[in-house]
Amino acid sequence: MMYLLSAIVATYFASWLPDFENLIGIEGARISSVVSFGALNGFLLGPFWGAIASFAGIMGHVIIRDQSPDMFHLLTPFFVAMASVVTGLCISKREKAAMVLFSILILGWYITPIGRELFYWPWFHILVLGGFILFHHKYRNRTGNVYTFAFLLFTTLIAILADHLAGSITAAILFDIPPQMFASVVTIYPIERITLAFAAAAIVYLLIIALQSTLMESETFQDKVEHKKRDELFSYVDDVKDLIDKENSK
């Protein structure tokens, strides 16, 4: 509960961080940087509690900041929570479920009239999904700092793109947005999303390195490792001894 409450409070205050403004060619558009915390909550708390932390933190911000929020802003916490679900599934080794969820969102884009007209708009989403599938099948089980960071970057990128796609589909349904506005960002939105994903992946990577260093330097942790090794060795010796005794008794 302490971790959950801490994540909610951190996400709420992260909602006040500077956003991306005047970058995507749409007047008045704003990309919230808090989506990075949606990915972080999923990594740290898993797909369920991470989504709750993201939803509660963002909803608190929406209610307090906007006295009469419109439907899109009321749905925004669900988009960030979806990013937590994606990273939570990946970190708990359920990457296939995350890829299925992301694929459904891509197909959902083509349900909208704008999606059928601008069929090429989610090109980056499809490219990232293909790259993640390739990485999952060929490199996921490899060890090393490079592969660890690549996994974190792919995961956060898919999570942040899931938030982006869900928000775009909802905006296309709720608002009368000209297709030209979506077309104007087709080469620019990947830069924004990569920046957010890189920030989230770097934070998680640094936390992992710090945790590993702390554990390895801890005498208590080392004692537990040695104790576990001795238990496994004694168990193995007992098994071998039982086999020898059975062979001798024949």
Protein backbone atom coordinates (compact mmCIF):
# COMPACT_ATOMS: atom_id res chain seq x y z
CA MET A 1 0.00 0.00 0.00
CA MET A 2 2.88 2.38 0.73
CA TYR A 3 4.38 1.72 -2.70
CA LEU A 4 0.98 2.23 -4.34
CA LEU A 5 0.28 5.48 -2.51
CA SER A 6 3.78 6.73 -3.28
CA ALA A 7 3.27 5.97 -6.98
CA ILE A 8 -0.09 7.76 -7.01
CA VAL A 9 1.38 10.85 -5.38
CA ALA A 10 4.41 10.84 -7.69
CA THR A 11 2.20 10.45 -10.77
CA TYR A 12 -0.08 13.25 -9.62
CA PHE A 13 2.78 15.70 -9.18
CA ALA A 14 4.39 14.45 -12.40
CA SER A 15 1.27 15.71 -14.16
CA TRP A 16 2.60 19.20 -13.58
CA LEU A 17 5.86 18.53 -15.39
CA PRO A 18 6.49 20.51 -18.61
CA ASP A 19 4.66 19.15 -21.63
CA PHE A 20 5.52 19.06 -25.31
CA GLU A 21 3.88 22.16 -26.78
CA ASN A 22 3.83 23.71 -30.23
CA LEU A 23 5.82 20.81 -31.65
CA ILE A 24 3.44 18.78 -33.75
CA GLY A 25 1.95 21.37 -36.07
CA ILE A 26 -1.50 21.46 -34.46
CA GLU A 27 -2.44 24.74 -32.84
CA GLY A 28 -3.22 24.30 -29.14
CA ALA A 29 -2.09 20.66 -29.08
CA ARG A 30 -0.13 19.43 -26.08
CA ILE A 31 1.58 16.10 -25.38
CA SER A 32 1.74 15.34 -21.68
CA SER A 33 5.08 14.07 -20.44
CA VAL A 34 3.36 12.19 -17.59
CA VAL A 35 2.86 9.20 -19.88
CA SER A 36 6.45 8.28 -18.99
CA PHE A 37 5.26 7.75 -15.42
CA GLY A 38 2.54 5.46 -16.75
CA ALA A 39 5.26 3.21 -18.12
CA LEU A 40 7.27 3.48 -14.89
CA ASN A 41 4.30 2.48 -12.72
CA GLY A 42 3.81 -0.64 -14.81
CA PHE A 43 7.45 -1.60 -14.42
CA LEU A 44 7.50 -1.06 -10.66
CA LEU A 45 4.02 -2.26 -9.64
CA GLY A 46 2.91 -4.62 -12.40
CA PRO A 47 -0.03 -4.44 -14.83
CA PHE A 48 -2.79 -4.26 -12.18
CA TRP A 49 -1.49 -2.03 -9.40
CA GLY A 50 0.56 0.03 -11.84
CA ALA A 51 -2.56 0.80 -13.86
CA ILE A 52 -4.43 1.76 -10.69
CA ALA A 53 -1.63 4.11 -9.62
CA SER A 54 -1.53 5.77 -13.05
CA PHE A 55 -5.30 6.10 -13.29
CA ALA A 56 -5.70 7.52 -9.77
CA GLY A 57 -2.81 9.98 -10.13
CA ILE A 58 -3.92 11.33 -13.51
CA MET A 59 -7.61 11.42 -12.58
CA GLY A 60 -6.78 13.44 -9.48
CA HIS A 61 -4.90 15.90 -11.65
CA VAL A 62 -7.76 16.14 -14.18
CA ILE A 63 -10.39 16.77 -11.51
CA ILE A 64 -8.35 19.36 -9.60
CA ARG A 65 -6.93 21.20 -12.61
CA ASP A 66 -10.08 21.21 -14.77
CA GLN A 67 -13.26 22.09 -12.89
CA SER A 68 -15.42 20.92 -15.80
CA PRO A 69 -13.31 18.53 -17.92
CA ASP A 70 -14.65 17.33 -21.25
CA MET A 71 -15.06 13.67 -22.16
CA PHE A 72 -11.61 13.37 -23.73
CA HIS A 73 -9.83 14.63 -20.61
CA LEU A 74 -11.93 12.31 -18.43
CA LEU A 75 -10.76 9.39 -20.58
CA THR A 76 -7.09 10.45 -20.48
CA PRO A 77 -6.34 8.50 -17.26
CA PHE A 78 -7.39 5.30 -19.04
CA PHE A 79 -4.82 5.95 -21.77
CA VAL A 80 -1.98 6.36 -19.26
CA ALA A 81 -3.21 3.32 -17.31
CA MET A 82 -3.00 1.34 -20.56
CA ALA A 83 0.69 2.22 -20.78
CA SER A 84 1.12 0.77 -17.27
CA VAL A 85 -0.67 -2.42 -18.32
CA VAL A 86 1.67 -2.89 -21.30
CA THR A 87 4.90 -2.45 -19.35
CA GLY A 88 3.51 -4.49 -16.45
CA LEU A 89 2.72 -7.39 -18.78
CA CYS A 90 6.18 -7.23 -20.35
CA ILE A 91 8.08 -7.08 -17.06
CA SER A 92 6.08 -10.07 -15.77
CA LYS A 93 7.08 -12.07 -18.89
CA ARG A 94 3.69 -11.83 -20.60
CA GLU A 95 4.98 -10.01 -23.63
CA LYS A 96 2.60 -11.84 -25.98
CA ALA A 97 -0.42 -10.42 -24.17
CA ALA A 98 1.08 -6.93 -24.45
CA MET A 99 1.68 -7.41 -28.17
CA VAL A 100 -1.91 -8.61 -28.67
CA LEU A 101 -3.24 -5.54 -26.84
CA PHE A 102 -1.07 -3.24 -28.93
CA SER A 103 -2.14 -5.00 -32.14
CA ILE A 104 -5.82 -4.53 -31.23
CA LEU A 105 -5.21 -0.80 -30.84
CA ILE A 106 -3.57 -0.65 -34.28
CA LEU A 107 -6.56 -2.40 -35.82
CA GLY A 108 -8.84 -0.06 -33.88
CA TRP A 109 -7.37 2.89 -35.75
CA TYR A 110 -8.77 1.52 -39.01
CA ILE A 111 -12.29 1.38 -37.58
CA THR A 112 -12.47 5.18 -37.67
CA PRO A 113 -13.18 7.02 -40.94
CA ILE A 114 -9.93 8.98 -40.56
CA GLY A 115 -8.06 5.72 -40.00
CA ARG A 116 -9.33 4.28 -43.26
CA GLU A 117 -8.38 7.45 -45.10
CA LEU A 118 -4.96 7.84 -43.45
CA PHE A 119 -4.06 4.16 -43.52
CA TYR A 120 -0.35 5.00 -43.39
CA TRP A 121 -0.54 7.12 -40.20
CA PRO A 122 0.37 4.34 -37.64
CA TRP A 123 3.45 3.35 -39.62
CA PHE A 124 5.73 3.87 -36.64
CA HIS A 125 3.48 1.81 -34.36
CA ILE A 126 3.62 -1.08 -36.81
CA LEU A 127 7.40 -0.75 -37.21
CA VAL A 128 7.94 -0.79 -33.43
CA LEU A 129 5.63 -3.78 -33.01
CA GLY A 130 7.57 -5.71 -35.66
CA GLY A 131 10.87 -4.78 -34.02
CA PHE A 132 9.64 -5.86 -30.61
CA ILE A 133 8.42 -9.22 -31.96
CA LEU A 134 11.82 -9.79 -33.59
CA PHE A 135 13.66 -8.84 -30.41
CA HIS A 136 11.39 -11.03 -28.28
CA HIS A 137 12.03 -14.14 -30.38
CA LYS A 138 15.76 -13.70 -31.06
CA TYR A 139 17.34 -11.67 -28.27
CA ARG A 140 15.04 -11.68 -25.24
CA ASN A 141 16.92 -14.40 -23.35
CA ARG A 142 20.36 -12.90 -23.87
CA THR A 143 22.09 -11.26 -20.96
CA GLY A 144 24.04 -8.05 -20.85
CA ASN A 145 23.44 -4.38 -20.27
CA VAL A 146 22.78 -3.67 -23.94
CA TYR A 147 20.02 -6.27 -24.20
CA THR A 148 18.51 -5.18 -20.90
CA PHE A 149 18.27 -1.56 -21.99
CA ALA A 150 16.98 -2.58 -25.44
CA PHE A 151 14.18 -4.58 -23.78
CA LEU A 152 13.29 -1.65 -21.52
CA LEU A 153 13.32 0.78 -24.45
CA PHE A 154 11.14 -1.43 -26.64
CA THR A 155 8.71 -1.99 -23.78
CA THR A 156 8.38 1.67 -22.84
CA LEU A 157 8.07 2.65 -26.49
CA ILE A 158 5.20 0.23 -27.07
CA ALA A 159 3.52 1.39 -23.86
CA ILE A 160 3.79 5.08 -24.76
CA LEU A 161 2.65 4.39 -28.32
CA ALA A 162 -0.33 2.49 -26.91
CA ASP A 163 -1.30 5.61 -24.95
CA HIS A 164 -0.78 7.68 -28.09
CA LEU A 165 -2.89 5.39 -30.27
CA ALA A 166 -5.73 5.09 -27.76
CA GLY A 167 -5.84 8.87 -27.41
CA SER A 168 -5.75 9.39 -31.17
CA ILE A 169 -8.60 6.92 -31.79
CA THR A 170 -10.69 8.57 -29.08
CA ALA A 171 -9.99 12.05 -30.45
CA ALA A 172 -10.93 10.91 -33.96
CA ILE A 173 -14.26 9.61 -32.62
CA LEU A 174 -15.15 12.49 -30.29
CA PHE A 175 -13.95 15.48 -32.34
CA ASP A 176 -14.34 16.58 -35.90
CA ILE A 177 -10.61 16.63 -36.65
CA PRO A 178 -9.58 17.18 -40.27
CA PRO A 179 -7.41 14.37 -41.65
CA GLN A 180 -4.78 16.97 -42.57
CA MET A 181 -4.04 17.53 -38.89
CA PHE A 182 -3.13 13.88 -38.39
CA ALA A 183 -1.19 13.83 -41.66
CA SER A 184 0.87 16.84 -40.53
CA VAL A 185 2.35 14.90 -37.59
CA VAL A 186 3.05 11.61 -39.33
CA THR A 187 6.82 12.15 -39.33
CA ILE A 188 7.03 14.15 -36.10
CA TYR A 189 5.13 12.15 -33.46
CA PRO A 190 7.78 9.37 -33.44
CA ILE A 191 10.37 11.89 -32.20
CA GLU A 192 8.17 12.91 -29.28
CA ARG A 193 7.35 9.33 -28.34
CA ILE A 194 10.96 8.13 -28.59
CA THR A 195 12.01 10.96 -26.27
CA LEU A 196 9.41 9.99 -23.66
CA ALA A 197 10.23 6.28 -23.98
CA PHE A 198 13.97 6.86 -23.66
CA ALA A 199 13.45 8.89 -20.46
CA ALA A 200 11.32 6.16 -18.86
CA ALA A 201 13.68 3.35 -19.96
CA ALA A 202 16.73 5.23 -18.64
CA ILE A 203 15.11 5.73 -15.22
CA VAL A 204 14.17 2.06 -14.90
CA TYR A 205 17.61 0.97 -16.11
CA LEU A 206 19.33 3.14 -13.51
CA LEU A 207 17.04 1.75 -10.81
CA ILE A 208 17.93 -1.81 -11.84
CA ILE A 209 21.66 -1.06 -11.80
CA ALA A 210 21.37 0.64 -8.41
CA LEU A 211 19.38 -2.26 -6.97
CA GLN A 212 21.86 -4.81 -8.28
CA SER A 213 24.79 -2.89 -6.82
CA THR A 214 23.06 -2.52 -3.46
CA LEU A 215 22.19 -6.20 -3.26
CA MET A 216 25.60 -7.41 -4.33
CA GLU A 217 27.30 -5.20 -1.74
CA SER A 218 24.96 -6.31 1.02
CA GLU A 219 26.50 -8.90 3.35
CA THR A 220 23.05 -10.16 4.27
CA PHE A 221 22.23 -10.76 0.62
CA GLN A 222 25.54 -12.53 0.05
CA ASP A 223 24.95 -14.73 3.11
CA LYS A 224 21.52 -15.71 1.78
CA VAL A 225 23.01 -16.56 -1.61
CA GLU A 226 25.68 -18.75 -0.03
CA HIS A 227 23.09 -20.39 2.22
CA LYS A 228 20.91 -21.14 -0.80
CA LYS A 229 23.85 -22.63 -2.68
CA ARG A 230 24.69 -24.88 0.28
CA ASP A 231 21.10 -26.07 0.53
CA GLU A 232 21.02 -26.91 -3.16
CA LEU A 233 24.37 -28.71 -2.93
CA PHE A 234 23.27 -30.77 0.10
CA SER A 235 20.00 -31.62 -1.66
CA TYR A 236 21.92 -32.77 -4.72
CA VAL A 237 24.29 -34.89 -2.59
CA ASP A 238 21.34 -36.52 -0.83
CA ASP A 239 19.71 -37.37 -4.17
CA VAL A 240 22.94 -38.92 -5.47
CA LYS A 241 23.38 -40.85 -2.22
CA ASP A 242 19.86 -42.26 -2.49
CA LEU A 243 20.55 -43.41 -6.05
CA ILE A 244 23.78 -45.12 -4.99
CA ASP A 245 22.05 -46.83 -2.07
CA LYS A 246 19.34 -48.13 -4.36
CA GLU A 247 21.91 -49.46 -6.82
CA ASN A 248 23.85 -51.20 -4.02
CA SER A 249 20.73 -52.79 -2.62
CA LYS A 250 19.94 -54.55 -5.90
